[in-house]
Amino acid sequence: MRLLFVTLLFVSSLFGYGTAIKWMSTLEGAKEIAKVEKKPILLFIHSTACFYCTVLEQKVFPDKGLQEHLQKDFILLALDASTDADAFEGQDGQAPPRYITSVTPAFFFIGPDEEKLGGRGTKHMVIYGFWTIEELKEWSDDALKKFKRYYGEKYAK
């Protein structure tokens, strides 16, 4: 029953930010799927006024190799950090205050319970700005290694 609920939650929360990668749009939904699939979450924070978010959407995210690389090992979540008049407060896809940054795009790598992947007792593993396909693959590989090192036993398959 729980698996059916999680599957329905996943399907209902798919968010089409960009045309290349199917991003989830709810943090709680992404956390539930991440727990079931025993994967970390790649949280993409974007903003409606962000020039480089659009560049990522058009030039980086369409790469099939990157899509396969990220979807294999991560639950993909995109949340909007827009504030004031640009915000869609209360709607799916709005970043909670703890993830709103002054710089977008931003990529947070977190565990299924929002565990930090930057090292025990340190801040979240987060990267800011525009990154190439190869750089995103390198960052994600590093995050996956940290996830397995810090939380591997907790989420062992």
Protein backbone atom coordinates (compact mmCIF):
# COMPACT_ATOMS: atom_id res chain seq x y z
CA MET A 1 0.00 0.00 0.00
CA ARG A 2 2.82 2.42 0.92
CA LEU A 3 4.58 1.73 -2.38
CA LEU A 4 1.37 2.49 -4.28
CA PHE A 5 1.00 5.76 -2.35
CA VAL A 6 4.62 6.72 -3.02
CA THR A 7 4.27 5.86 -6.70
CA LEU A 8 1.11 7.96 -7.00
CA LEU A 9 2.77 10.80 -5.10
CA PHE A 10 5.74 10.65 -7.46
CA VAL A 11 3.60 10.68 -10.59
CA SER A 12 1.39 13.47 -9.29
CA SER A 13 4.33 15.66 -8.31
CA LEU A 14 6.32 15.51 -11.52
CA PHE A 15 7.22 19.02 -12.48
CA GLY A 16 8.27 19.95 -15.99
CA TYR A 17 10.82 22.65 -15.20
CA GLY A 18 12.59 22.71 -18.52
CA THR A 19 11.86 20.21 -21.21
CA ALA A 20 14.68 17.77 -20.67
CA ILE A 21 14.57 16.49 -17.11
CA LYS A 22 11.37 15.63 -15.30
CA TRP A 23 11.80 17.29 -11.93
CA MET A 24 9.64 16.65 -8.92
CA SER A 25 8.06 19.75 -7.39
CA THR A 26 7.42 18.84 -3.76
CA LEU A 27 10.08 18.34 -1.13
CA GLU A 28 7.96 15.90 0.88
CA GLY A 29 7.21 13.82 -2.22
CA ALA A 30 10.88 13.72 -3.18
CA LYS A 31 11.84 12.66 0.35
CA GLU A 32 9.32 9.79 0.31
CA ILE A 33 10.58 8.51 -3.05
CA ALA A 34 14.21 8.93 -1.94
CA LYS A 35 13.56 6.78 1.14
CA VAL A 36 11.92 4.03 -0.88
CA GLU A 37 14.59 4.08 -3.60
CA LYS A 38 17.43 4.68 -1.09
CA LYS A 39 18.83 7.59 -3.11
CA PRO A 40 19.99 11.11 -2.28
CA ILE A 41 18.12 14.12 -3.62
CA LEU A 42 19.51 16.63 -6.08
CA LEU A 43 17.63 19.84 -5.30
CA PHE A 44 17.80 22.44 -8.09
CA ILE A 45 16.89 25.90 -6.78
CA HIS A 46 15.90 28.30 -9.55
CA SER A 47 14.24 31.68 -9.85
CA THR A 48 11.94 33.26 -12.42
CA ALA A 49 14.39 36.13 -12.84
CA CYS A 50 17.47 33.90 -13.20
CA PHE A 51 19.22 34.16 -16.57
CA TYR A 52 21.50 31.16 -16.00
CA CYS A 53 18.60 28.94 -14.88
CA THR A 54 17.19 29.37 -18.39
CA VAL A 55 20.59 28.68 -19.94
CA LEU A 56 20.85 25.45 -17.93
CA GLU A 57 17.36 24.49 -19.07
CA GLN A 58 18.16 25.10 -22.72
CA LYS A 59 21.81 24.01 -23.03
CA VAL A 60 22.71 21.62 -20.21
CA PHE A 61 19.64 19.70 -19.01
CA PRO A 62 18.68 18.43 -22.52
CA ASP A 63 21.86 16.32 -22.64
CA LYS A 64 20.72 12.67 -22.62
CA GLY A 65 23.96 11.51 -20.98
CA LEU A 66 23.50 13.95 -18.10
CA GLN A 67 19.84 12.97 -17.71
CA GLU A 68 20.71 9.27 -17.47
CA HIS A 69 23.62 9.99 -15.12
CA LEU A 70 21.48 12.01 -12.68
CA GLN A 71 18.30 9.94 -12.86
CA LYS A 72 20.20 6.73 -12.15
CA ASP A 73 21.44 7.79 -8.71
CA PHE A 74 19.32 10.75 -7.57
CA ILE A 75 15.78 11.88 -6.96
CA LEU A 76 15.54 15.12 -8.92
CA LEU A 77 13.69 18.04 -7.35
CA ALA A 78 13.33 21.59 -8.68
CA LEU A 79 12.03 24.36 -6.42
CA ASP A 80 11.50 28.04 -7.11
CA ALA A 81 13.29 30.53 -4.86
CA SER A 82 11.54 33.57 -6.33
CA THR A 83 10.41 36.08 -3.75
CA ASP A 84 8.10 39.07 -3.58
CA ALA A 85 6.05 39.68 -6.75
CA ASP A 86 7.66 36.77 -8.61
CA ALA A 87 6.84 34.18 -5.94
CA PHE A 88 4.08 31.61 -6.12
CA GLU A 89 3.84 31.15 -2.37
CA GLY A 90 1.91 28.15 -1.16
CA GLN A 91 2.04 26.34 -4.49
CA ASP A 92 3.93 23.16 -5.26
CA GLY A 93 7.36 24.04 -6.47
CA GLN A 94 8.04 26.89 -4.04
CA ALA A 95 11.24 26.44 -2.03
CA PRO A 96 10.87 26.45 1.74
CA PRO A 97 12.73 29.34 3.44
CA ARG A 98 15.63 27.10 4.52
CA TYR A 99 16.53 26.52 0.85
CA ILE A 100 15.98 30.01 -0.54
CA THR A 101 19.28 31.47 -1.65
CA SER A 102 20.30 34.88 -2.90
CA VAL A 103 22.18 33.22 -5.78
CA THR A 104 20.52 31.04 -8.39
CA PRO A 105 20.91 28.56 -9.81
CA ALA A 106 21.87 26.55 -6.75
CA PHE A 107 22.17 22.79 -6.40
CA PHE A 108 21.76 21.15 -2.99
CA PHE A 109 22.69 17.50 -2.53
CA ILE A 110 20.77 16.11 0.44
CA GLY A 111 19.82 12.75 1.91
CA PRO A 112 16.23 11.42 2.02
CA ASP A 113 15.78 12.95 5.49
CA GLU A 114 17.50 16.17 4.38
CA GLU A 115 20.81 14.91 5.76
CA LYS A 116 23.82 17.03 4.95
CA LEU A 117 26.27 15.59 2.43
CA GLY A 118 28.99 18.16 3.06
CA GLY A 119 30.41 16.17 5.95
CA ARG A 120 29.18 15.41 9.40
CA GLY A 121 28.52 18.59 11.33
CA THR A 122 29.07 20.83 8.31
CA LYS A 123 26.71 22.65 5.99
CA HIS A 124 24.81 21.10 3.13
CA MET A 125 26.74 20.25 -0.01
CA VAL A 126 25.64 23.10 -2.25
CA ILE A 127 27.02 24.53 -5.45
CA TYR A 128 26.01 27.88 -6.88
CA GLY A 129 25.95 29.15 -10.43
CA PHE A 130 26.08 27.79 -13.94
CA TRP A 131 27.88 24.48 -14.49
CA THR A 132 28.69 22.45 -17.59
CA ILE A 133 27.49 18.92 -18.20
CA GLU A 134 30.82 17.43 -17.16
CA GLU A 135 31.04 19.60 -14.04
CA LEU A 136 27.53 18.56 -12.93
CA LYS A 137 28.48 14.92 -13.44
CA GLU A 138 31.62 15.41 -11.31
CA TRP A 139 29.69 17.20 -8.54
CA SER A 140 27.00 14.52 -8.53
CA ASP A 141 29.60 11.73 -8.38
CA ASP A 142 31.20 13.44 -5.39
CA ALA A 143 27.81 13.83 -3.68
CA LEU A 144 26.96 10.17 -4.27
CA LYS A 145 30.26 9.07 -2.72
CA LYS A 146 29.57 11.24 0.33
CA PHE A 147 26.03 9.92 0.61
CA LYS A 148 27.28 6.34 0.59
CA ARG A 149 30.11 7.11 3.02
CA TYR A 150 28.00 9.00 5.57
CA TYR A 151 24.64 7.25 5.23
CA GLY A 152 25.27 4.04 3.29
CA GLU A 153 24.39 1.71 6.15
CA LYS A 154 21.19 3.56 6.90
CA TYR A 155 19.93 3.23 3.32
CA ALA A 156 21.68 -0.02 2.29
CA LYS A 157 19.88 -1.89 -0.45
